């Protein structure tokens, strides 16, 4: 049940226009200070994980590793996605609550 809840929250945030996906857009939002949460697929490359971990540590943005690229992309109505940024505080808190319990 929990995974469905997280993916549906990502879907809702996407429909509300509160997400940025893909490496370039996610990085841009983090550096611009708009990202409230970064989610990276667990099956993303080690290089991608390290890059986002270091960036999120530096910019003090929470980061979580979750599910796989296909599930993340599918929840956003797109092809596979290795990374995405949640741009809304409310969606961010809801997703973190689901992931951290």
PDB file of N, CA and C in Angstrom:
ATOM      1  N   UNK A   1       0.828  -1.203   0.000  1.00  0.00           N
ATOM      2  CA  UNK A   1       0.000   0.000   0.000  1.00  0.00           C
ATOM      3  C   UNK A   1       0.865   1.257   0.000  1.00  0.00           C
ATOM      4  N   UNK A   2       1.928   1.269   0.802  1.00  0.00           N
ATOM      5  CA  UNK A   2       2.765   2.456   0.913  1.00  0.00           C
ATOM      6  C   UNK A   2       3.374   2.892  -0.431  1.00  0.00           C
ATOM      7  N   UNK A   3       3.942   1.951  -1.226  1.00  0.00           N
ATOM      8  CA  UNK A   3       4.514   2.386  -2.506  1.00  0.00           C
ATOM      9  C   UNK A   3       3.483   3.058  -3.411  1.00  0.00           C
ATOM     10  N   UNK A   4       2.263   2.518  -3.450  1.00  0.00           N
ATOM     11  CA  UNK A   4       1.214   3.104  -4.275  1.00  0.00           C
ATOM     12  C   UNK A   4       0.936   4.542  -3.844  1.00  0.00           C
ATOM     13  N   UNK A   5       0.936   4.780  -2.553  1.00  0.00           N
ATOM     14  CA  UNK A   5       0.652   6.114  -2.010  1.00  0.00           C
ATOM     15  C   UNK A   5       1.714   7.118  -2.466  1.00  0.00           C
ATOM     16  N   UNK A   6       2.972   6.738  -2.387  1.00  0.00           N
ATOM     17  CA  UNK A   6       4.065   7.627  -2.797  1.00  0.00           C
ATOM     18  C   UNK A   6       3.965   7.934  -4.287  1.00  0.00           C
ATOM     19  N   UNK A   7       3.775   6.888  -5.092  1.00  0.00           N
ATOM     20  CA  UNK A   7       3.694   7.093  -6.539  1.00  0.00           C
ATOM     21  C   UNK A   7       2.470   7.917  -6.925  1.00  0.00           C
ATOM     22  N   UNK A   8       1.353   7.729  -6.213  1.00  0.00           N
ATOM     23  CA  UNK A   8       0.171   8.528  -6.533  1.00  0.00           C
ATOM     24  C   UNK A   8       0.370   9.987  -6.122  1.00  0.00           C
ATOM     25  N   UNK A   9       1.089  10.231  -5.024  1.00  0.00           N
ATOM     26  CA  UNK A   9       1.415  11.615  -4.647  1.00  0.00           C
ATOM     27  C   UNK A   9       2.317  12.270  -5.697  1.00  0.00           C
ATOM     28  N   UNK A  10       3.266  11.506  -6.231  1.00  0.00           N
ATOM     29  CA  UNK A  10       4.126  12.032  -7.300  1.00  0.00           C
ATOM     30  C   UNK A  10       3.272  12.372  -8.522  1.00  0.00           C
ATOM     31  N   UNK A  11       2.315  11.495  -8.838  1.00  0.00           N
ATOM     32  CA  UNK A  11       1.408  11.741  -9.958  1.00  0.00           C
ATOM     33  C   UNK A  11       0.577  13.001  -9.760  1.00  0.00           C
ATOM     34  N   UNK A  12       0.053  13.175  -8.549  1.00  0.00           N
ATOM     35  CA  UNK A  12      -0.735  14.378  -8.244  1.00  0.00           C
ATOM     36  C   UNK A  12       0.118  15.638  -8.352  1.00  0.00           C
ATOM     37  N   UNK A  13       1.328  15.576  -7.826  1.00  0.00           N
ATOM     38  CA  UNK A  13       2.228  16.730  -7.899  1.00  0.00           C
ATOM     39  C   UNK A  13       2.548  17.082  -9.352  1.00  0.00           C
ATOM     40  N   UNK A  14       2.705  16.049 -10.178  1.00  0.00           N
ATOM     41  CA  UNK A  14       2.982  16.270 -11.599  1.00  0.00           C
ATOM     42  C   UNK A  14       1.804  16.955 -12.280  1.00  0.00           C
ATOM     43  N   UNK A  15       0.594  16.462 -11.995  1.00  0.00           N
ATOM     44  CA  UNK A  15      -0.607  17.069 -12.585  1.00  0.00           C
ATOM     45  C   UNK A  15      -0.766  18.527 -12.148  1.00  0.00           C
ATOM     46  N   UNK A  16      -0.314  18.826 -10.930  1.00  0.00           N
ATOM     47  CA  UNK A  16      -0.404  20.193 -10.402  1.00  0.00           C
ATOM     48  C   UNK A  16       0.745  21.073 -10.918  1.00  0.00           C
ATOM     49  N   UNK A  17       1.649  20.476 -11.696  1.00  0.00           N
ATOM     50  CA  UNK A  17       2.778  21.235 -12.234  1.00  0.00           C
ATOM     51  C   UNK A  17       3.841  21.531 -11.195  1.00  0.00           C
ATOM     52  N   UNK A  18       3.939  20.670 -10.185  1.00  0.00           N
ATOM     53  CA  UNK A  18       4.876  20.903  -9.083  1.00  0.00           C
ATOM     54  C   UNK A  18       6.053  19.934  -9.088  1.00  0.00           C
ATOM     55  N   UNK A  19       6.381  19.382 -10.258  1.00  0.00           N
ATOM     56  CA  UNK A  19       7.550  18.498 -10.348  1.00  0.00           C
ATOM     57  C   UNK A  19       8.434  18.915 -11.517  1.00  0.00           C
ATOM     58  N   UNK A  20       9.679  18.529 -11.433  1.00  0.00           N
ATOM     59  CA  UNK A  20      10.623  18.654 -12.543  1.00  0.00           C
ATOM     60  C   UNK A  20      11.310  17.304 -12.632  1.00  0.00           C
ATOM     61  N   UNK A  21      11.399  16.740 -13.837  1.00  0.00           N
ATOM     62  CA  UNK A  21      11.992  15.409 -13.936  1.00  0.00           C
ATOM     63  C   UNK A  21      13.111  15.385 -14.965  1.00  0.00           C
ATOM     64  N   UNK A  22      13.934  14.367 -14.841  1.00  0.00           N
ATOM     65  CA  UNK A  22      15.098  14.250 -15.700  1.00  0.00           C
ATOM     66  C   UNK A  22      16.285  14.902 -15.012  1.00  0.00           C
ATOM     67  N   UNK A  23      17.478  14.437 -15.333  1.00  0.00           N
ATOM     68  CA  UNK A  23      18.676  14.920 -14.647  1.00  0.00           C
ATOM     69  C   UNK A  23      18.872  16.420 -14.759  1.00  0.00           C
ATOM     70  N   UNK A  24      18.756  16.955 -15.972  1.00  0.00           N
ATOM     71  CA  UNK A  24      19.033  18.369 -16.191  1.00  0.00           C
ATOM     72  C   UNK A  24      18.046  19.258 -15.435  1.00  0.00           C
ATOM     73  N   UNK A  25      16.761  18.991 -15.576  1.00  0.00           N
ATOM     74  CA  UNK A  25      15.730  19.816 -14.919  1.00  0.00           C
ATOM     75  C   UNK A  25      15.798  19.695 -13.398  1.00  0.00           C
ATOM     76  N   UNK A  26      16.037  18.487 -12.906  1.00  0.00           N
ATOM     77  CA  UNK A  26      16.144  18.289 -11.454  1.00  0.00           C
ATOM     78  C   UNK A  26      17.315  19.097 -10.909  1.00  0.00           C
ATOM     79  N   UNK A  27      18.453  19.011 -11.586  1.00  0.00           N
ATOM     80  CA  UNK A  27      19.643  19.753 -11.159  1.00  0.00           C
ATOM     81  C   UNK A  27      19.379  21.257 -11.185  1.00  0.00           C
ATOM     82  N   UNK A  28      18.719  21.732 -12.231  1.00  0.00           N
ATOM     83  CA  UNK A  28      18.412  23.163 -12.367  1.00  0.00           C
ATOM     84  C   UNK A  28      17.542  23.657 -11.212  1.00  0.00           C
ATOM     85  N   UNK A  29      16.518  22.877 -10.838  1.00  0.00           N
ATOM     86  CA  UNK A  29      15.610  23.282  -9.756  1.00  0.00           C
ATOM     87  C   UNK A  29      16.300  23.271  -8.393  1.00  0.00           C
ATOM     88  N   UNK A  30      17.181  22.300  -8.173  1.00  0.00           N
ATOM     89  CA  UNK A  30      17.917  22.243  -6.905  1.00  0.00           C
ATOM     90  C   UNK A  30      18.809  23.474  -6.786  1.00  0.00           C
ATOM     91  N   UNK A  31      19.551  23.775  -7.849  1.00  0.00           N
ATOM     92  CA  UNK A  31      20.481  24.901  -7.812  1.00  0.00           C
ATOM     93  C   UNK A  31      19.756  26.244  -7.734  1.00  0.00           C
ATOM     94  N   UNK A  32      18.524  26.300  -8.255  1.00  0.00           N
ATOM     95  CA  UNK A  32      17.738  27.536  -8.203  1.00  0.00           C
ATOM     96  C   UNK A  32      17.060  27.705  -6.847  1.00  0.00           C
ATOM     97  N   UNK A  33      17.097  26.653  -6.017  1.00  0.00           N
ATOM     98  CA  UNK A  33      16.509  26.727  -4.684  1.00  0.00           C
ATOM     99  C   UNK A  33      15.015  26.460  -4.648  1.00  0.00           C
ATOM    100  N   UNK A  34      14.458  25.931  -5.745  1.00  0.00           N
ATOM    101  CA  UNK A  34      13.014  25.659  -5.790  1.00  0.00           C
ATOM    102  C   UNK A  34      12.659  24.233  -5.383  1.00  0.00           C
ATOM    103  N   UNK A  35      13.626  23.328  -5.436  1.00  0.00           N
ATOM    104  CA  UNK A  35      13.346  21.926  -5.102  1.00  0.00           C
ATOM    105  C   UNK A  35      13.149  21.770  -3.597  1.00  0.00           C
ATOM    106  N   UNK A  36      12.095  21.073  -3.204  1.00  0.00           N
ATOM    107  CA  UNK A  36      11.820  20.800  -1.790  1.00  0.00           C
ATOM    108  C   UNK A  36      12.184  19.362  -1.426  1.00  0.00           C
ATOM    109  N   UNK A  37      12.284  18.502  -2.454  1.00  0.00           N
ATOM    110  CA  UNK A  37      12.622  17.097  -2.261  1.00  0.00           C
ATOM    111  C   UNK A  37      13.124  16.542  -3.584  1.00  0.00           C
ATOM    112  N   UNK A  38      14.171  15.734  -3.543  1.00  0.00           N
ATOM    113  CA  UNK A  38      14.673  15.062  -4.734  1.00  0.00           C
ATOM    114  C   UNK A  38      14.481  13.557  -4.541  1.00  0.00           C
ATOM    115  N   UNK A  39      13.924  12.912  -5.558  1.00  0.00           N
ATOM    116  CA  UNK A  39      13.758  11.458  -5.518  1.00  0.00           C
ATOM    117  C   UNK A  39      14.565  10.871  -6.670  1.00  0.00           C
ATOM    118  N   UNK A  40      15.426   9.915  -6.329  1.00  0.00           N
ATOM    119  CA  UNK A  40      16.263   9.245  -7.329  1.00  0.00           C
ATOM    120  C   UNK A  40      15.880   7.772  -7.332  1.00  0.00           C
ATOM    121  N   UNK A  41      15.763   7.196  -8.519  1.00  0.00           N
ATOM    122  CA  UNK A  41      15.420   5.774  -8.637  1.00  0.00           C
ATOM    123  C   UNK A  41      16.536   4.924  -8.047  1.00  0.00           C
ATOM    124  N   UNK A  42      16.148   3.842  -7.368  1.00  0.00           N
ATOM    125  CA  UNK A  42      17.146   2.953  -6.763  1.00  0.00           C
ATOM    126  C   UNK A  42      18.007   2.263  -7.811  1.00  0.00           C
ATOM    127  N   UNK A  43      17.472   2.117  -9.040  1.00  0.00           N
ATOM    128  CA  UNK A  43      18.259   1.460 -10.090  1.00  0.00           C
ATOM    129  C   UNK A  43      19.002   2.468 -10.978  1.00  0.00           C
ATOM    130  N   UNK A  44      19.094   3.716 -10.528  1.00  0.00           N
ATOM    131  CA  UNK A  44      19.888   4.713 -11.255  1.00  0.00           C
ATOM    132  C   UNK A  44      21.366   4.360 -11.106  1.00  0.00           C
ATOM    133  N   UNK A  45      22.184   4.879 -11.989  1.00  0.00           N
ATOM    134  CA  UNK A  45      23.617   4.560 -11.931  1.00  0.00           C
ATOM    135  C   UNK A  45      24.240   5.131 -10.660  1.00  0.00           C
ATOM    136  N   UNK A  46      25.328   4.509 -10.239  1.00  0.00           N
ATOM    137  CA  UNK A  46      26.032   4.976  -9.035  1.00  0.00           C
ATOM    138  C   UNK A  46      26.493   6.421  -9.205  1.00  0.00           C
ATOM    139  N   UNK A  47      26.900   6.751 -10.437  1.00  0.00           N
ATOM    140  CA  UNK A  47      27.349   8.113 -10.736  1.00  0.00           C
ATOM    141  C   UNK A  47      26.218   9.120 -10.520  1.00  0.00           C
ATOM    142  N   UNK A  48      25.029   8.797 -10.989  1.00  0.00           N
ATOM    143  CA  UNK A  48      23.861   9.667 -10.825  1.00  0.00           C
ATOM    144  C   UNK A  48      23.517   9.827  -9.351  1.00  0.00           C
ATOM    145  N   UNK A  49      23.495   8.718  -8.620  1.00  0.00           N
ATOM    146  CA  UNK A  49      23.189   8.772  -7.186  1.00  0.00           C
ATOM    147  C   UNK A  49      24.174   9.660  -6.438  1.00  0.00           C
ATOM    148  N   UNK A  50      25.473   9.475  -6.730  1.00  0.00           N
ATOM    149  CA  UNK A  50      26.514  10.251  -6.057  1.00  0.00           C
ATOM    150  C   UNK A  50      26.380  11.731  -6.393  1.00  0.00           C
ATOM    151  N   UNK A  51      26.121  12.037  -7.658  1.00  0.00           N
ATOM    152  CA  UNK A  51      25.979  13.423  -8.104  1.00  0.00           C
ATOM    153  C   UNK A  51      24.855  14.124  -7.342  1.00  0.00           C
ATOM    154  N   UNK A  52      23.679  13.478  -7.280  1.00  0.00           N
ATOM    155  CA  UNK A  52      22.542  14.098  -6.606  1.00  0.00           C
ATOM    156  C   UNK A  52      22.720  14.124  -5.089  1.00  0.00           C
ATOM    157  N   UNK A  53      23.357  13.105  -4.524  1.00  0.00           N
ATOM    158  CA  UNK A  53      23.612  13.092  -3.081  1.00  0.00           C
ATOM    159  C   UNK A  53      24.488  14.279  -2.686  1.00  0.00           C
ATOM    160  N   UNK A  54      25.567  14.479  -3.438  1.00  0.00           N
ATOM    161  CA  UNK A  54      26.479  15.586  -3.151  1.00  0.00           C
ATOM    162  C   UNK A  54      25.789  16.933  -3.338  1.00  0.00           C
ATOM    163  N   UNK A  55      25.017  17.068  -4.418  1.00  0.00           N
ATOM    164  CA  UNK A  55      24.317  18.322  -4.704  1.00  0.00           C
ATOM    165  C   UNK A  55      23.283  18.629  -3.620  1.00  0.00           C
ATOM    166  N   UNK A  56      22.523  17.623  -3.224  1.00  0.00           N
ATOM    167  CA  UNK A  56      21.485  17.828  -2.205  1.00  0.00           C
ATOM    168  C   UNK A  56      22.096  18.133  -0.842  1.00  0.00           C
ATOM    169  N   UNK A  57      23.219  17.510  -0.525  1.00  0.00           N
ATOM    170  CA  UNK A  57      23.918  17.825   0.720  1.00  0.00           C
ATOM    171  C   UNK A  57      24.351  19.286   0.721  1.00  0.00           C
ATOM    172  N   UNK A  58      24.907  19.733  -0.398  1.00  0.00           N
ATOM    173  CA  UNK A  58      25.407  21.099  -0.497  1.00  0.00           C
ATOM    174  C   UNK A  58      24.277  22.129  -0.402  1.00  0.00           C
ATOM    175  N   UNK A  59      23.177  21.879  -1.120  1.00  0.00           N
ATOM    176  CA  UNK A  59      22.059  22.829  -1.145  1.00  0.00           C
ATOM    177  C   UNK A  59      21.013  22.568  -0.050  1.00  0.00           C
ATOM    178  N   UNK A  60      21.289  21.590   0.795  1.00  0.00           N
ATOM    179  CA  UNK A  60      20.415  21.240   1.917  1.00  0.00           C
ATOM    180  C   UNK A  60      18.986  20.917   1.476  1.00  0.00           C
ATOM    181  N   UNK A  61      18.894  20.040   0.489  1.00  0.00           N
ATOM    182  CA  UNK A  61      17.601  19.555  -0.005  1.00  0.00           C
ATOM    183  C   UNK A  61      17.492  18.082   0.377  1.00  0.00           C
ATOM    184  N   UNK A  62      16.362  17.651   0.968  1.00  0.00           N
ATOM    185  CA  UNK A  62      16.231  16.223   1.295  1.00  0.00           C
ATOM    186  C   UNK A  62      16.259  15.362   0.028  1.00  0.00           C
ATOM    187  N   UNK A  63      16.896  14.219   0.122  1.00  0.00           N
ATOM    188  CA  UNK A  63      16.955  13.290  -1.019  1.00  0.00           C
ATOM    189  C   UNK A  63      16.552  11.907  -0.543  1.00  0.00           C
ATOM    190  N   UNK A  64      15.801  11.192  -1.359  1.00  0.00           N
ATOM    191  CA  UNK A  64      15.400   9.817  -1.055  1.00  0.00           C
ATOM    192  C   UNK A  64      15.600   8.966  -2.309  1.00  0.00           C
ATOM    193  N   UNK A  65      15.907   7.694  -2.078  1.00  0.00           N
ATOM    194  CA  UNK A  65      16.037   6.729  -3.170  1.00  0.00           C
ATOM    195  C   UNK A  65      14.802   5.850  -3.119  1.00  0.00           C
ATOM    196  N   UNK A  66      14.119   5.723  -4.260  1.00  0.00           N
ATOM    197  CA  UNK A  66      12.835   5.035  -4.229  1.00  0.00           C
ATOM    198  C   UNK A  66      12.533   4.316  -5.536  1.00  0.00           C
ATOM    199  N   UNK A  67      12.059   3.085  -5.411  1.00  0.00           N
ATOM    200  CA  UNK A  67      11.542   2.284  -6.518  1.00  0.00           C
ATOM    201  C   UNK A  67      12.511   2.231  -7.701  1.00  0.00           C
ATOM    202  N   UNK A  68      11.985   2.077  -8.921  1.00  0.00           N
ATOM    203  CA  UNK A  68      12.855   2.018 -10.087  1.00  0.00           C
ATOM    204  C   UNK A  68      12.458   3.078 -11.116  1.00  0.00           C
ATOM    205  N   UNK A  69      13.281   3.196 -12.149  1.00  0.00           N
ATOM    206  CA  UNK A  69      13.069   4.246 -13.151  1.00  0.00           C
ATOM    207  C   UNK A  69      11.711   4.133 -13.833  1.00  0.00           C
ATOM    208  N   UNK A  70      11.303   2.903 -14.144  1.00  0.00           N
ATOM    209  CA  UNK A  70      10.015   2.709 -14.819  1.00  0.00           C
ATOM    210  C   UNK A  70       8.850   3.165 -13.952  1.00  0.00           C
ATOM    211  N   UNK A  71       8.876   2.805 -12.671  1.00  0.00           N
ATOM    212  CA  UNK A  71       7.780   3.176 -11.765  1.00  0.00           C
ATOM    213  C   UNK A  71       7.709   4.690 -11.584  1.00  0.00           C
ATOM    214  N   UNK A  72       8.869   5.338 -11.420  1.00  0.00           N
ATOM    215  CA  UNK A  72       8.879   6.793 -11.260  1.00  0.00           C
ATOM    216  C   UNK A  72       8.349   7.481 -12.514  1.00  0.00           C
ATOM    217  N   UNK A  73       8.832   7.046 -13.662  1.00  0.00           N
ATOM    218  CA  UNK A  73       8.370   7.631 -14.924  1.00  0.00           C
ATOM    219  C   UNK A  73       6.885   7.395 -15.148  1.00  0.00           C
ATOM    220  N   UNK A  74       6.449   6.180 -14.892  1.00  0.00           N
ATOM    221  CA  UNK A  74       5.044   5.819 -15.089  1.00  0.00           C
ATOM    222  C   UNK A  74       4.131   6.662 -14.192  1.00  0.00           C
ATOM    223  N   UNK A  75       4.556   6.909 -12.950  1.00  0.00           N
ATOM    224  CA  UNK A  75       3.732   7.691 -12.025  1.00  0.00           C
ATOM    225  C   UNK A  75       3.570   9.135 -12.513  1.00  0.00           C
ATOM    226  N   UNK A  76       4.510   9.589 -13.362  1.00  0.00           N
ATOM    227  CA  UNK A  76       4.451  10.949 -13.895  1.00  0.00           C
ATOM    228  C   UNK A  76       3.833  10.988 -15.285  1.00  0.00           C
ATOM    229  N   UNK A  77       3.433   9.808 -15.797  1.00  0.00           N
ATOM    230  CA  UNK A  77       2.856   9.747 -17.132  1.00  0.00           C
ATOM    231  C   UNK A  77       3.892   9.922 -18.224  1.00  0.00           C
ATOM    232  N   UNK A  78       5.129   9.518 -17.940  1.00  0.00           N
ATOM    233  CA  UNK A  78       6.208   9.673 -18.906  1.00  0.00           C
ATOM    234  C   UNK A  78       6.946   8.344 -19.062  1.00  0.00           C
ATOM    235  N   UNK A  79       8.000   8.364 -19.886  1.00  0.00           N
ATOM    236  CA  UNK A  79       8.876   7.205 -19.980  1.00  0.00           C
ATOM    237  C   UNK A  79       9.641   7.103 -18.660  1.00  0.00           C
ATOM    238  N   UNK A  80      10.642   6.230 -18.616  1.00  0.00           N
ATOM    239  CA  UNK A  80      11.384   6.070 -17.361  1.00  0.00           C
ATOM    240  C   UNK A  80      12.098   7.360 -16.966  1.00  0.00           C
ATOM    241  N   UNK A  81      12.185   7.585 -15.664  1.00  0.00           N
ATOM    242  CA  UNK A  81      12.848   8.763 -15.099  1.00  0.00           C
ATOM    243  C   UNK A  81      13.755   8.312 -13.955  1.00  0.00           C
ATOM    244  N   UNK A  82      15.021   8.726 -14.003  1.00  0.00           N
ATOM    245  CA  UNK A  82      15.968   8.353 -12.948  1.00  0.00           C
ATOM    246  C   UNK A  82      15.901   9.320 -11.772  1.00  0.00           C
ATOM    247  N   UNK A  83      15.474  10.558 -12.050  1.00  0.00           N
ATOM    248  CA  UNK A  83      15.430  11.549 -10.962  1.00  0.00           C
ATOM    249  C   UNK A  83      14.296  12.533 -11.179  1.00  0.00           C
ATOM    250  N   UNK A  84      13.790  13.056 -10.065  1.00  0.00           N
ATOM    251  CA  UNK A  84      12.763  14.089 -10.146  1.00  0.00           C
ATOM    252  C   UNK A  84      12.834  14.956  -8.908  1.00  0.00           C
ATOM    253  N   UNK A  85      12.360  16.182  -9.059  1.00  0.00           N
ATOM    254  CA  UNK A  85      12.324  17.128  -7.941  1.00  0.00           C
ATOM    255  C   UNK A  85      10.872  17.499  -7.665  1.00  0.00           C
ATOM    256  N   UNK A  86      10.504  17.510  -6.398  1.00  0.00           N
ATOM    257  CA  UNK A  86       9.186  17.985  -5.972  1.00  0.00           C
ATOM    258  C   UNK A  86       9.361  19.459  -5.599  1.00  0.00           C
ATOM    259  N   UNK A  87       8.547  20.328  -6.195  1.00  0.00           N
ATOM    260  CA  UNK A  87       8.725  21.769  -6.020  1.00  0.00           C
ATOM    261  C   UNK A  87       7.767  22.392  -5.009  1.00  0.00           C
ATOM    262  N   UNK A  88       6.893  21.581  -4.436  1.00  0.00           N
ATOM    263  CA  UNK A  88       5.876  22.099  -3.521  1.00  0.00           C
ATOM    264  C   UNK A  88       6.120  21.561  -2.109  1.00  0.00           C
ATOM    265  N   UNK A  89       6.076  22.440  -1.134  1.00  0.00           N
ATOM    266  CA  UNK A  89       6.342  22.064   0.260  1.00  0.00           C
ATOM    267  C   UNK A  89       5.344  21.024   0.774  1.00  0.00           C
ATOM    268  N   UNK A  90       4.074  21.203   0.447  1.00  0.00           N
ATOM    269  CA  UNK A  90       3.030  20.289   0.911  1.00  0.00           C
ATOM    270  C   UNK A  90       3.215  18.878   0.370  1.00  0.00           C
ATOM    271  N   UNK A  91       3.419  18.764  -0.958  1.00  0.00           N
ATOM    272  CA  UNK A  91       3.647  17.445  -1.554  1.00  0.00           C
ATOM    273  C   UNK A  91       4.922  16.827  -0.978  1.00  0.00           C
ATOM    274  N   UNK A  92       5.939  17.652  -0.800  1.00  0.00           N
ATOM    275  CA  UNK A  92       7.210  17.176  -0.261  1.00  0.00           C
ATOM    276  C   UNK A  92       7.016  16.554   1.127  1.00  0.00           C
ATOM    277  N   UNK A  93       6.311  17.267   2.000  1.00  0.00           N
ATOM    278  CA  UNK A  93       6.088  16.763   3.362  1.00  0.00           C
ATOM    279  C   UNK A  93       5.276  15.469   3.343  1.00  0.00           C
ATOM    280  N   UNK A  94       4.243  15.413   2.495  1.00  0.00           N
ATOM    281  CA  UNK A  94       3.415  14.202   2.399  1.00  0.00           C
ATOM    282  C   UNK A  94       4.223  13.002   1.937  1.00  0.00           C
ATOM    283  N   UNK A  95       5.057  13.208   0.929  1.00  0.00           N
ATOM    284  CA  UNK A  95       5.866  12.107   0.399  1.00  0.00           C
ATOM    285  C   UNK A  95       6.907  11.666   1.423  1.00  0.00           C
ATOM    286  N   UNK A  96       7.571  12.629   2.068  1.00  0.00           N
ATOM    287  CA  UNK A  96       8.553  12.281   3.097  1.00  0.00           C
ATOM    288  C   UNK A  96       7.905  11.510   4.240  1.00  0.00           C
ATOM    289  N   UNK A  97       6.702  11.904   4.611  1.00  0.00           N
ATOM    290  CA  UNK A  97       5.975  11.217   5.679  1.00  0.00           C
ATOM    291  C   UNK A  97       5.739   9.754   5.306  1.00  0.00           C
ATOM    292  N   UNK A  98       5.347   9.495   4.049  1.00  0.00           N
ATOM    293  CA  UNK A  98       5.118   8.131   3.589  1.00  0.00           C
ATOM    294  C   UNK A  98       6.438   7.341   3.538  1.00  0.00           C
ATOM    295  N   UNK A  99       7.503   7.969   3.065  1.00  0.00           N
ATOM    296  CA  UNK A  99       8.773   7.274   2.899  1.00  0.00           C
ATOM    297  C   UNK A  99       9.480   7.005   4.221  1.00  0.00           C
ATOM    298  N   UNK A 100       9.315   7.890   5.193  1.00  0.00           N
ATOM    299  CA  UNK A 100      10.080   7.792   6.431  1.00  0.00           C
ATOM    300  C   UNK A 100       9.350   7.044   7.544  1.00  0.00           C
ATOM    301  N   UNK A 101       8.176   6.483   7.259  1.00  0.00           N
ATOM    302  CA  UNK A 101       7.453   5.740   8.308  1.00  0.00           C
ATOM    303  C   UNK A 101       7.676   4.252   8.152  1.00  0.00           C
TER     304      UNK A 101
END
